[in-house]
């Protein structure tokens, strides 16, 4: 699972210009900030054992990650 996430992240970073062109620079930057906040929230929720916060942050991070992956793979 970690290997597939790493490969997907490399592909998104490699095609970041295409992602920002498709979605708009402001939206892409906002989603990227929201993604990092969700990852940070996940670590906080794990350390504090707050289950509702954990699953909310995981859901947001996963949705944004899937959006970036789909945008990076659809180059046309």
C-alpha atoms as a PDB file:
ATOM      1  CA  UNK A   1       0.000   0.000   0.000  1.00  0.00           C
ATOM      2  CA  UNK A   2       2.828   2.375   0.844  1.00  0.00           C
ATOM      3  CA  UNK A   3       4.635   1.529  -2.393  1.00  0.00           C
ATOM      4  CA  UNK A   4       1.567   2.338  -4.500  1.00  0.00           C
ATOM      5  CA  UNK A   5       1.069   5.617  -2.628  1.00  0.00           C
ATOM      6  CA  UNK A   6       4.721   6.515  -3.218  1.00  0.00           C
ATOM      7  CA  UNK A   7       4.505   5.754  -6.945  1.00  0.00           C
ATOM      8  CA  UNK A   8       1.271   7.743  -7.226  1.00  0.00           C
ATOM      9  CA  UNK A   9       2.840  10.675  -5.403  1.00  0.00           C
ATOM     10  CA  UNK A  10       5.828  10.645  -7.739  1.00  0.00           C
ATOM     11  CA  UNK A  11       3.511  10.656 -10.765  1.00  0.00           C
ATOM     12  CA  UNK A  12       1.471  13.549  -9.356  1.00  0.00           C
ATOM     13  CA  UNK A  13       4.633  15.570  -8.629  1.00  0.00           C
ATOM     14  CA  UNK A  14       6.007  14.790 -12.091  1.00  0.00           C
ATOM     15  CA  UNK A  15       2.799  15.994 -13.772  1.00  0.00           C
ATOM     16  CA  UNK A  16       1.971  18.815 -11.333  1.00  0.00           C
ATOM     17  CA  UNK A  17       1.895  21.429 -14.119  1.00  0.00           C
ATOM     18  CA  UNK A  18      -0.783  19.444 -15.965  1.00  0.00           C
ATOM     19  CA  UNK A  19      -2.798  19.100 -12.757  1.00  0.00           C
ATOM     20  CA  UNK A  20      -2.694  22.836 -12.093  1.00  0.00           C
ATOM     21  CA  UNK A  21      -3.646  23.637 -15.686  1.00  0.00           C
ATOM     22  CA  UNK A  22      -6.687  21.339 -15.500  1.00  0.00           C
ATOM     23  CA  UNK A  23      -7.966  22.435 -12.117  1.00  0.00           C
ATOM     24  CA  UNK A  24      -6.616  25.956 -11.832  1.00  0.00           C
ATOM     25  CA  UNK A  25      -3.641  27.060  -9.815  1.00  0.00           C
ATOM     26  CA  UNK A  26      -5.657  28.460  -6.883  1.00  0.00           C
ATOM     27  CA  UNK A  27      -7.804  25.353  -6.506  1.00  0.00           C
ATOM     28  CA  UNK A  28      -4.791  23.044  -6.762  1.00  0.00           C
ATOM     29  CA  UNK A  29      -2.868  25.013  -4.149  1.00  0.00           C
ATOM     30  CA  UNK A  30      -5.896  25.116  -1.848  1.00  0.00           C
ATOM     31  CA  UNK A  31      -6.381  21.350  -2.170  1.00  0.00           C
ATOM     32  CA  UNK A  32      -2.685  20.759  -1.535  1.00  0.00           C
ATOM     33  CA  UNK A  33      -2.822  22.833   1.675  1.00  0.00           C
ATOM     34  CA  UNK A  34      -6.008  21.031   2.714  1.00  0.00           C
ATOM     35  CA  UNK A  35      -4.308  17.683   2.006  1.00  0.00           C
ATOM     36  CA  UNK A  36      -1.361  18.505   4.264  1.00  0.00           C
ATOM     37  CA  UNK A  37      -3.733  19.752   6.985  1.00  0.00           C
ATOM     38  CA  UNK A  38      -5.656  16.478   6.759  1.00  0.00           C
ATOM     39  CA  UNK A  39      -2.424  14.485   7.075  1.00  0.00           C
ATOM     40  CA  UNK A  40      -1.434  16.619  10.065  1.00  0.00           C
ATOM     41  CA  UNK A  41      -4.911  16.131  11.545  1.00  0.00           C
ATOM     42  CA  UNK A  42      -4.546  12.386  11.098  1.00  0.00           C
ATOM     43  CA  UNK A  43      -1.324  12.339  13.111  1.00  0.00           C
ATOM     44  CA  UNK A  44      -2.889  14.500  15.833  1.00  0.00           C
ATOM     45  CA  UNK A  45      -5.964  12.243  15.959  1.00  0.00           C
ATOM     46  CA  UNK A  46      -3.791   9.153  16.242  1.00  0.00           C
ATOM     47  CA  UNK A  47      -1.759  10.628  19.074  1.00  0.00           C
ATOM     48  CA  UNK A  48      -4.848  11.834  20.978  1.00  0.00           C
ATOM     49  CA  UNK A  49      -7.036   8.793  20.144  1.00  0.00           C
ATOM     50  CA  UNK A  50      -9.840  10.884  18.666  1.00  0.00           C
ATOM     51  CA  UNK A  51     -11.565   8.468  16.330  1.00  0.00           C
ATOM     52  CA  UNK A  52     -14.044  10.823  14.634  1.00  0.00           C
ATOM     53  CA  UNK A  53     -11.226  13.262  13.799  1.00  0.00           C
ATOM     54  CA  UNK A  54      -9.071  10.427  12.496  1.00  0.00           C
ATOM     55  CA  UNK A  55     -11.674   9.132  10.053  1.00  0.00           C
ATOM     56  CA  UNK A  56     -12.686  12.621   8.926  1.00  0.00           C
ATOM     57  CA  UNK A  57      -9.084  13.554   8.158  1.00  0.00           C
ATOM     58  CA  UNK A  58      -8.423  10.227   6.449  1.00  0.00           C
ATOM     59  CA  UNK A  59     -11.515  10.680   4.273  1.00  0.00           C
ATOM     60  CA  UNK A  60     -10.489  14.205   3.232  1.00  0.00           C
ATOM     61  CA  UNK A  61      -6.889  13.188   2.534  1.00  0.00           C
ATOM     62  CA  UNK A  62      -7.963  10.138   0.531  1.00  0.00           C
ATOM     63  CA  UNK A  63     -10.469  12.075  -1.578  1.00  0.00           C
ATOM     64  CA  UNK A  64      -7.947  14.804  -2.386  1.00  0.00           C
ATOM     65  CA  UNK A  65      -5.241  12.237  -3.113  1.00  0.00           C
ATOM     66  CA  UNK A  66      -7.525  10.340  -5.498  1.00  0.00           C
ATOM     67  CA  UNK A  67      -8.470  13.612  -7.218  1.00  0.00           C
ATOM     68  CA  UNK A  68      -4.793  14.483  -7.768  1.00  0.00           C
ATOM     69  CA  UNK A  69      -3.988  10.970  -9.019  1.00  0.00           C
ATOM     70  CA  UNK A  70      -6.855  10.985 -11.522  1.00  0.00           C
ATOM     71  CA  UNK A  71      -5.878  14.467 -12.712  1.00  0.00           C
ATOM     72  CA  UNK A  72      -2.255  13.415 -13.166  1.00  0.00           C
ATOM     73  CA  UNK A  73      -3.129  10.267 -15.117  1.00  0.00           C
ATOM     74  CA  UNK A  74      -5.560  12.061 -17.441  1.00  0.00           C
ATOM     75  CA  UNK A  75      -3.022  14.079 -19.396  1.00  0.00           C
ATOM     76  CA  UNK A  76      -5.325  14.963 -22.303  1.00  0.00           C
END
